[in-house]
Each structure stands twice: as C-alpha cells, then as structure tokens.
Amino acid sequence: MSISDERVPSETMASRELDGGTVGACVILGLSFLVGAPGNVFVIWTILRHVKQRSHTVVTILHLAAADLLVLVTLPLWIYSLAHSWIFGEACCKAMVFVINACMYSSVFIITLMSVERFVAVRYPFASVNWKRKKAMNKVLFAVWTVSFLFSIPVIPTQIVDTDLGQEQCLYRNYTSITQELLCLLLETVLGYIVPISILVICYGCLCSRITQMTFRSKRKSTVVIGSIVIAFAVCWTPYHIGNLLSLVILAIQDSNKDAADNLESIRSTMATIAGALVFISSTINPILYMFAARSFRKSLHDTGIQKLFRHISSTSPGEGNREVSFVTKKHSNQSETSQCVVDSDVQMDVLLKMCEDTPS
C-alpha cells in the first residue's frame, strides 16, 4: 500500500518545514478562526434569538453558519499541529477530518439548495407558497446532512497519521489501490463541486434578467445577498478542485508519461497552500458578506442591521414569514366594482399587482 498525499482541508495548509510558508499558513488559519468563529456564532445567535418568523432562506443561512462554525472550531488543533506535530492520536485525526469533510459537503449542498429556492421564489412565486405549506424544508435539510456524512465515510479508513520530517502529522490518505483513490477523487470533485456549481450557474443565469427587473428593492437585496454567497463559494473552492482534477490527470498518465506527471505534481503542490487557505476562508467570509449587506438596515444599537436584514429576508420570501398571500377576492357593488387584494408578502406584490387593480369608487 502506498501513502497518497491527497489533500483535505487540513493538509492543504501544511508545509513540510517550519518556514515562512508554515508561519503564513498558521497566520491565515488564526485569522480565519478569530474572524469566522465569532462571526458565525453571531449569525446563529441573531437568527435564533431575534428572527421569530424564519423564511426558508434564513433557515438555510442558519444551517450554513452551523456547518462553517463546526469547521472553524477545529482550527486551533490544526494550527498547533502545523507549528509542532499531531499529538492527538489517529482516532481524533480520522474523526476531525470526517466532520470537516461532512461540513464542507453540507455547505456546498446548502448553498445549492439556497440558490434553487431563490430561483423558484423569483420565477415561480406561487409554487413556493405550496412549498411552504408542505413544510418540506426541514426534511430536505435533514437529507442534506445525512448525505454529507455518508459521502464523508471514505475518510475514515483512508485518513492516517504519518511521520513528516520526524514529526507526526494528520496529513495523508492511505489508499489500497489507484482505483480507490480515483473513486474518492471523483466523489469529492464531481458530486461536491461540478454538479453543484452547474446547478448554481443555471439558476443564476436564469435569474440575471429578472434581478434587474424586480420592482421591490427588498426582494432584489435578498437575491443579491445569496448571489454573493454563491460567488464567494465559487472563488474559494475552484482552486481546490482544480488541484483534484490535476490529481486525476496525474493518476491517468503516471505510468505512460512519468515526467509530465512529476511536473503536474509540482504544480499541484505549489497550489496546495493557496487552495487550502481559500477553503478555510470560505467558512469565514459569509458573516462578512451579511454585515456589508446589512449596512443600509442599521438603525440603533438595540436593533442591529443584521437583525433587520434577516427579518427583511424572511418577510420578503414568498410564502414565508408573517406576511403571506392569504387571498385574492373581488367585490362588486351597484355603484362601482372594486378589486381587493390582501397581500401579506412584499415579494408577491409584483406578481399580484398584475392581477389586481384598484378602481376608485
């Protein structure tokens, strides 16, 4: 059996020596922890404490923050292992990398779910009312977490602690065959990146023209917030999966063209630190995006902008929150005909206004 330096988020940040690269990696991880952990805790606390009527979008933001927080709380152990060595045992190594991989999968799937929900909300608003009535979101999120943990199972038998320049590190995967390594890489890249990013591109490609035509600024803002999360995901994860694709090419040509395989491995190794940093930054950046989006909502110390942002997203998501489309009726009288629309959701208004017209009596 051979030891394959297949990267996972922890090991992509590693350096073989305690040099400038290792110090830089520790600094990046430290900043990610100091900024991202409190930021995601604040997002979770704000939603649970201050947003009583939670839309599907806000619920997915809550789950995304929880997944990112679980990744970030492991950073102190990785920082210590980079600066010294892995002293926490192989069982802890397997468990932590398993949890990290599951949370990374869940983050990707939740962002995809969020975008699909936004697509349906904008293009088919009344369908989203039915979606709300069926109360299917909790079941979908449970399925997302379950699938994420199932997809991470290959980490358990393959992740090992091995000696790196005289120091033990939780940095390697031990594959029994090239076929096993190939299947793990394909699972991670195809289902964890290519399929989700394709769905995201399709959803937001279809929404581009609609975003500029939206009548209500509130609905446009919530769509743009989710769009910024999608862009951040693409920027942060693309280099990592480019490295995975290079690994696939290396596996395919290592017997027939060893020199080319060695050159590609050198490129992949050079990309490792940057790609690993971006993976952890992806768990840090979302609370920062919410803060920027919430600037226009800031009113007082007692009611912060981010509270207003999440309430706003809930109240402007179709079929959600405490304002829904309850009915559309028409009343007729001898003197005049009046169309009365009772509207409880701003995001439905641009659709309903085409159907309902007030006639002065």
Protein backbone atom coordinates (compact mmCIF):
# COMPACT_ATOMS: atom_id res chain seq x y z
CA MET A 1 0.00 0.00 0.00
CA SER A 2 1.22 3.49 -0.81
CA ILE A 3 0.76 6.74 1.02
CA SER A 4 -1.00 9.25 -1.22
CA ASP A 5 -0.70 12.94 -0.42
CA GLU A 6 -4.34 13.52 -1.32
CA ARG A 7 -5.36 16.84 0.08
CA VAL A 8 -8.12 17.53 2.53
CA PRO A 9 -8.69 20.97 4.10
CA SER A 10 -6.29 20.29 6.98
CA GLU A 11 -3.42 19.00 4.96
CA THR A 12 -3.62 21.56 2.19
CA MET A 13 -2.45 24.09 4.73
CA ALA A 14 0.55 22.09 5.76
CA SER A 15 4.13 22.77 4.94
CA ARG A 16 6.93 20.31 5.25
CA GLU A 17 9.13 22.67 7.24
CA LEU A 18 8.63 25.32 9.88
CA ASP A 19 9.45 28.06 7.43
CA GLY A 20 7.74 31.15 6.06
CA GLY A 21 5.07 29.05 4.38
CA THR A 22 4.14 27.31 7.62
CA VAL A 23 4.09 30.59 9.52
CA GLY A 24 1.91 32.12 6.83
CA ALA A 25 -0.45 29.14 6.96
CA CYS A 26 -0.75 29.46 10.73
CA VAL A 27 -1.49 33.18 10.43
CA ILE A 28 -4.21 32.58 7.84
CA LEU A 29 -5.78 29.84 9.94
CA GLY A 30 -5.57 32.00 13.05
CA LEU A 31 -7.26 34.96 11.36
CA SER A 32 -9.91 32.66 9.91
CA PHE A 33 -10.67 31.37 13.39
CA LEU A 34 -10.66 34.80 15.07
CA VAL A 35 -12.94 36.34 12.44
CA GLY A 36 -15.04 33.42 11.28
CA ALA A 37 -15.89 31.64 14.53
CA PRO A 38 -17.34 34.72 16.33
CA GLY A 39 -18.98 35.82 13.08
CA ASN A 40 -20.84 32.55 12.57
CA VAL A 41 -21.76 32.38 16.27
CA PHE A 42 -23.24 35.88 15.93
CA VAL A 43 -25.23 34.85 12.85
CA ILE A 44 -26.62 31.76 14.62
CA TRP A 45 -27.45 33.74 17.78
CA THR A 46 -29.12 36.53 15.81
CA ILE A 47 -31.37 34.17 13.86
CA LEU A 48 -32.33 32.05 16.87
CA ARG A 49 -32.83 35.00 19.22
CA HIS A 50 -34.22 37.77 17.04
CA VAL A 51 -35.86 36.21 13.97
CA LYS A 52 -39.05 34.52 15.08
CA GLN A 53 -40.65 34.00 11.68
CA ARG A 54 -37.88 32.36 9.63
CA SER A 55 -38.14 32.01 5.89
CA HIS A 56 -36.60 29.11 4.01
CA THR A 57 -33.71 31.38 3.04
CA VAL A 58 -32.97 32.33 6.65
CA VAL A 59 -33.21 28.67 7.76
CA THR A 60 -30.62 27.68 5.15
CA ILE A 61 -28.38 30.58 6.26
CA LEU A 62 -28.65 29.22 9.83
CA HIS A 63 -27.58 25.72 8.75
CA LEU A 64 -24.77 27.14 6.61
CA ALA A 65 -23.43 29.11 9.57
CA ALA A 66 -23.56 25.98 11.76
CA ALA A 67 -21.60 23.96 9.18
CA ASP A 68 -18.98 26.70 8.83
CA LEU A 69 -18.66 27.02 12.60
CA LEU A 70 -18.01 23.28 13.01
CA VAL A 71 -15.15 23.58 10.51
CA LEU A 72 -13.64 26.66 12.14
CA VAL A 73 -13.62 25.36 15.73
CA THR A 74 -11.10 22.70 14.67
CA LEU A 75 -8.54 25.30 13.56
CA PRO A 76 -6.67 25.65 16.87
CA LEU A 77 -5.73 21.95 16.69
CA TRP A 78 -4.53 22.28 13.11
CA ILE A 79 -2.51 25.39 13.95
CA TYR A 80 -0.83 23.57 16.82
CA SER A 81 -0.06 20.54 14.65
CA LEU A 82 1.48 22.73 11.93
CA ALA A 83 3.67 24.55 14.41
CA HIS A 84 4.64 21.37 16.32
CA SER A 85 3.19 17.94 15.49
CA TRP A 86 -0.04 15.98 15.66
CA ILE A 87 -0.28 14.70 19.24
CA PHE A 88 -3.98 13.91 19.40
CA GLY A 89 -3.91 10.36 18.05
CA GLU A 90 -5.15 8.71 14.88
CA ALA A 91 -8.74 8.28 16.08
CA CYS A 92 -9.03 12.02 16.67
CA CYS A 93 -7.43 12.66 13.27
CA LYS A 94 -9.98 10.46 11.48
CA ALA A 95 -12.93 11.90 13.44
CA MET A 96 -12.00 15.53 12.85
CA VAL A 97 -11.27 15.16 9.14
CA PHE A 98 -14.53 13.20 8.79
CA VAL A 99 -16.52 16.02 10.44
CA ILE A 100 -14.74 18.67 8.36
CA ASN A 101 -15.47 16.83 5.11
CA ALA A 102 -19.11 16.33 6.09
CA CYS A 103 -19.49 20.02 6.92
CA MET A 104 -17.81 21.03 3.67
CA TYR A 105 -20.20 18.82 1.70
CA SER A 106 -23.17 20.19 3.61
CA SER A 107 -22.05 23.79 2.98
CA VAL A 108 -21.89 23.15 -0.76
CA PHE A 109 -25.27 21.40 -0.81
CA ILE A 110 -26.93 24.07 1.38
CA ILE A 111 -25.67 26.87 -0.88
CA THR A 112 -27.06 24.94 -3.86
CA LEU A 113 -30.38 24.43 -2.09
CA MET A 114 -30.47 28.12 -1.19
CA SER A 115 -29.98 29.10 -4.83
CA VAL A 116 -32.62 26.67 -6.11
CA GLU A 117 -35.08 28.01 -3.52
CA ARG A 118 -34.31 31.58 -4.63
CA PHE A 119 -34.79 30.60 -8.28
CA VAL A 120 -38.20 29.09 -7.52
CA ALA A 121 -39.13 32.07 -5.32
CA VAL A 122 -38.42 34.60 -8.06
CA ARG A 123 -39.56 32.71 -11.14
CA TYR A 124 -42.43 30.68 -9.66
CA PRO A 125 -43.61 32.56 -6.53
CA PHE A 126 -46.88 30.70 -6.10
CA ALA A 127 -45.10 27.36 -6.29
CA SER A 128 -43.00 28.49 -3.33
CA VAL A 129 -46.22 29.11 -1.38
CA ASN A 130 -47.12 25.45 -1.87
CA TRP A 131 -43.55 24.52 -0.90
CA LYS A 132 -44.06 26.39 2.37
CA ARG A 133 -47.39 24.72 3.04
CA LYS A 134 -45.86 21.29 2.59
CA LYS A 135 -43.20 22.19 5.19
CA ALA A 136 -40.63 20.19 3.28
CA MET A 137 -37.54 22.29 4.05
CA ASN A 138 -36.67 20.53 7.33
CA LYS A 139 -36.87 17.17 5.59
CA VAL A 140 -34.66 18.38 2.76
CA LEU A 141 -32.07 19.79 5.18
CA PHE A 142 -32.06 16.53 7.13
CA ALA A 143 -31.42 14.68 3.86
CA VAL A 144 -28.60 17.13 3.00
CA TRP A 145 -26.81 16.50 6.30
CA THR A 146 -27.33 12.75 6.04
CA VAL A 147 -25.92 12.57 2.51
CA SER A 148 -23.00 14.78 3.52
CA PHE A 149 -21.98 12.42 6.31
CA LEU A 150 -22.43 9.39 4.05
CA PHE A 151 -20.20 10.93 1.37
CA SER A 152 -17.52 11.52 4.01
CA ILE A 153 -17.31 7.88 5.10
CA PRO A 154 -14.32 7.12 2.78
CA VAL A 155 -12.24 9.42 5.00
CA ILE A 156 -12.48 7.03 7.95
CA PRO A 157 -10.48 4.07 6.55
CA THR A 158 -8.09 6.17 4.44
CA GLN A 159 -7.09 9.09 6.68
CA ILE A 160 -3.94 8.32 8.71
CA VAL A 161 -1.30 9.93 10.88
CA ASP A 162 2.15 9.62 9.34
CA THR A 163 5.64 10.91 10.04
CA ASP A 164 6.63 14.07 8.17
CA LEU A 165 10.29 15.07 8.62
CA GLY A 166 10.40 13.39 12.00
CA GLN A 167 7.05 14.77 13.17
CA GLU A 168 3.70 13.03 13.12
CA GLN A 169 1.05 14.83 11.07
CA CYS A 170 -2.61 14.17 10.27
CA LEU A 171 -1.98 14.93 6.62
CA TYR A 172 -2.26 11.82 4.50
CA ARG A 173 -4.63 9.35 2.90
CA ASN A 174 -3.64 5.70 2.71
CA TYR A 175 -5.22 4.21 -0.43
CA THR A 176 -5.12 0.48 -1.06
CA SER A 177 -5.26 0.94 -4.83
CA ILE A 178 -5.31 3.52 -7.58
CA THR A 179 -8.96 2.64 -8.21
CA GLN A 180 -9.87 3.54 -4.63
CA GLU A 181 -8.03 6.85 -4.91
CA LEU A 182 -9.72 7.58 -8.24
CA LEU A 183 -13.18 6.89 -6.85
CA CYS A 184 -12.58 9.12 -3.81
CA LEU A 185 -11.36 11.98 -6.00
CA LEU A 186 -14.32 11.66 -8.37
CA LEU A 187 -16.79 11.57 -5.48
CA GLU A 188 -15.31 14.71 -3.96
CA THR A 189 -14.97 16.71 -7.16
CA VAL A 190 -17.95 15.61 -9.24
CA LEU A 191 -20.61 15.48 -6.51
CA GLY A 192 -19.00 18.08 -4.25
CA TYR A 193 -18.25 20.69 -6.89
CA ILE A 194 -19.06 20.08 -10.58
CA VAL A 195 -22.73 19.13 -10.09
CA PRO A 196 -23.47 21.90 -7.52
CA ILE A 197 -21.64 24.61 -9.48
CA SER A 198 -23.55 23.60 -12.63
CA ILE A 199 -26.86 23.98 -10.80
CA LEU A 200 -25.76 27.36 -9.41
CA VAL A 201 -24.77 28.64 -12.85
CA ILE A 202 -28.10 27.54 -14.36
CA CYS A 203 -30.16 29.09 -11.53
CA TYR A 204 -28.40 32.45 -11.51
CA GLY A 205 -28.09 32.52 -15.29
CA CYS A 206 -31.88 32.32 -15.46
CA LEU A 207 -32.23 34.97 -12.74
CA CYS A 208 -29.86 37.58 -14.18
CA SER A 209 -32.50 39.32 -16.26
CA ARG A 210 -35.11 39.07 -13.52
CA ILE A 211 -32.92 40.67 -10.85
CA THR A 212 -32.73 43.96 -12.74
CA GLN A 213 -36.49 43.90 -13.38
CA MET A 214 -37.51 43.34 -9.77
CA THR A 215 -39.95 46.00 -8.63
CA PHE A 216 -39.14 45.82 -4.96
CA ARG A 217 -35.69 46.68 -3.65
CA SER A 218 -36.20 44.27 -0.72
CA LYS A 219 -36.57 41.23 -2.96
CA ARG A 220 -33.62 42.33 -5.06
CA LYS A 221 -31.43 42.69 -1.97
CA SER A 222 -32.15 39.17 -0.67
CA THR A 223 -31.41 37.71 -4.10
CA VAL A 224 -28.14 39.66 -4.35
CA VAL A 225 -27.09 38.52 -0.83
CA ILE A 226 -27.47 34.89 -1.88
CA GLY A 227 -25.70 35.64 -5.15
CA SER A 228 -22.70 36.99 -3.22
CA ILE A 229 -22.57 33.78 -1.18
CA VAL A 230 -22.56 31.77 -4.41
CA ILE A 231 -19.74 33.88 -5.90
CA ALA A 232 -17.67 33.54 -2.72
CA PHE A 233 -18.18 29.77 -2.82
CA ALA A 234 -17.02 29.57 -6.44
CA VAL A 235 -13.93 31.72 -5.82
CA CYS A 236 -12.89 29.85 -2.67
CA TRP A 237 -13.45 26.28 -3.87
CA THR A 238 -12.38 26.36 -7.52
CA PRO A 239 -8.59 26.22 -6.86
CA TYR A 240 -9.03 23.24 -4.52
CA HIS A 241 -10.93 21.24 -7.11
CA ILE A 242 -8.53 22.25 -9.87
CA GLY A 243 -5.93 20.52 -7.70
CA ASN A 244 -8.17 17.44 -7.53
CA LEU A 245 -8.52 17.43 -11.31
CA LEU A 246 -4.73 17.64 -11.63
CA SER A 247 -4.51 14.63 -9.32
CA LEU A 248 -6.85 12.72 -11.63
CA VAL A 249 -4.69 13.57 -14.63
CA ILE A 250 -1.56 12.52 -12.72
CA LEU A 251 -3.15 9.16 -11.93
CA ALA A 252 -4.05 8.69 -15.59
CA ILE A 253 -0.57 9.44 -17.03
CA GLN A 254 1.85 8.45 -14.27
CA ASP A 255 2.69 5.12 -15.94
CA SER A 256 2.84 6.32 -19.55
CA ASN A 257 4.46 9.75 -19.03
CA LYS A 258 6.25 9.96 -15.70
CA ASP A 259 7.99 13.29 -16.41
CA ALA A 260 4.73 15.06 -17.21
CA ALA A 261 3.15 13.52 -14.13
CA ASP A 262 6.01 14.81 -11.96
CA ASN A 263 5.64 18.30 -13.42
CA LEU A 264 1.91 18.34 -12.74
CA GLU A 265 2.50 17.10 -9.20
CA SER A 266 4.89 20.01 -8.67
CA ILE A 267 2.21 22.44 -9.87
CA ARG A 268 -0.41 20.82 -7.65
CA SER A 269 1.85 21.00 -4.60
CA THR A 270 2.56 24.68 -5.28
CA MET A 271 -1.18 25.39 -5.43
CA ALA A 272 -1.87 23.48 -2.21
CA THR A 273 -1.27 26.29 0.29
CA ILE A 274 -3.35 28.86 -1.60
CA ALA A 275 -6.16 26.40 -2.27
CA GLY A 276 -6.23 25.27 1.37
CA ALA A 277 -6.31 28.86 2.64
CA LEU A 278 -9.27 29.67 0.39
CA VAL A 279 -11.16 26.60 1.63
CA PHE A 280 -10.99 27.85 5.22
CA ILE A 281 -11.68 31.43 4.17
CA SER A 282 -14.91 30.18 2.58
CA SER A 283 -16.14 29.29 6.09
CA THR A 284 -15.20 32.76 7.30
CA ILE A 285 -16.46 35.08 4.61
CA ASN A 286 -20.25 34.66 4.78
CA PRO A 287 -20.79 36.63 8.03
CA ILE A 288 -18.72 39.44 6.50
CA LEU A 289 -20.99 39.43 3.44
CA TYR A 290 -24.06 39.68 5.70
CA MET A 291 -22.53 42.64 7.53
CA PHE A 292 -21.94 44.50 4.28
CA ALA A 293 -25.47 43.76 3.08
CA ALA A 294 -26.92 44.92 6.42
CA ARG A 295 -25.30 48.35 6.41
CA SER A 296 -28.37 50.04 4.95
CA PHE A 297 -30.55 48.49 7.68
CA ARG A 298 -28.60 49.72 10.70
CA LYS A 299 -30.84 51.84 12.91
CA SER A 300 -29.85 51.52 16.55
CA LEU A 301 -27.70 49.58 18.97
CA HIS A 302 -30.78 47.68 20.14
CA ASP A 303 -31.81 46.60 16.66
CA THR A 304 -28.72 45.90 14.58
CA GLY A 305 -28.55 45.93 10.83
CA ILE A 306 -28.02 42.19 10.54
CA GLN A 307 -31.16 41.56 12.61
CA LYS A 308 -33.13 43.73 10.23
CA LEU A 309 -31.52 42.04 7.24
CA PHE A 310 -32.61 38.54 8.31
CA ARG A 311 -36.09 39.76 9.27
CA HIS A 312 -36.29 41.51 5.94
CA ILE A 313 -35.29 38.37 4.04
CA SER A 314 -37.92 36.39 5.96
CA SER A 315 -40.67 38.92 5.30
CA THR A 316 -39.84 39.20 1.60
CA SER A 317 -39.53 35.48 0.84
CA PRO A 318 -42.65 34.22 -0.91
CA GLY A 319 -44.93 32.11 1.19
CA GLU A 320 -42.76 32.79 4.25
CA GLY A 321 -42.67 34.80 7.43
CA ASN A 322 -45.65 36.50 8.97
CA ARG A 323 -46.87 38.08 5.74
CA GLU A 324 -48.24 35.74 3.10
CA VAL A 325 -50.66 35.99 0.25
CA SER A 326 -53.83 35.00 2.03
CA PHE A 327 -56.47 35.52 -0.58
CA VAL A 328 -57.49 37.43 -3.68
CA THR A 329 -61.15 38.44 -3.82
CA LYS A 330 -63.33 40.67 -5.87
CA LYS A 331 -66.26 42.57 -4.52
CA HIS A 332 -68.95 44.07 -6.70
CA SER A 333 -71.43 46.81 -5.82
CA ASN A 334 -74.14 48.74 -7.65
CA GLN A 335 -72.06 51.91 -7.81
CA SER A 336 -68.61 50.55 -8.57
CA GLU A 337 -66.50 47.46 -8.87
CA THR A 338 -63.59 47.20 -6.50
CA SER A 339 -60.83 44.63 -6.65
CA GLN A 340 -59.44 43.95 -3.21
CA CYS A 341 -56.18 42.14 -2.71
CA VAL A 342 -54.97 41.20 0.70
CA VAL A 343 -51.20 40.89 0.44
CA ASP A 344 -49.00 39.70 3.27
CA SER A 345 -45.75 39.31 1.39
CA ASP A 346 -43.94 42.11 -0.42
CA VAL A 347 -42.18 39.63 -2.66
CA GLN A 348 -45.58 38.54 -4.09
CA MET A 349 -46.72 42.07 -4.84
CA ASP A 350 -45.04 42.49 -8.20
CA VAL A 351 -46.91 39.36 -9.35
CA LEU A 352 -50.24 40.23 -7.77
CA LEU A 353 -50.27 43.83 -8.96
CA LYS A 354 -50.58 42.48 -12.46
CA MET A 355 -53.70 40.61 -11.39
CA CYS A 356 -55.29 43.14 -9.07
CA GLU A 357 -56.16 46.72 -9.94
CA ASP A 358 -57.79 49.15 -7.55
CA THR A 359 -60.62 51.18 -9.06
CA PRO A 360 -61.63 54.35 -7.12
CA SER A 361 -65.18 54.31 -6.02
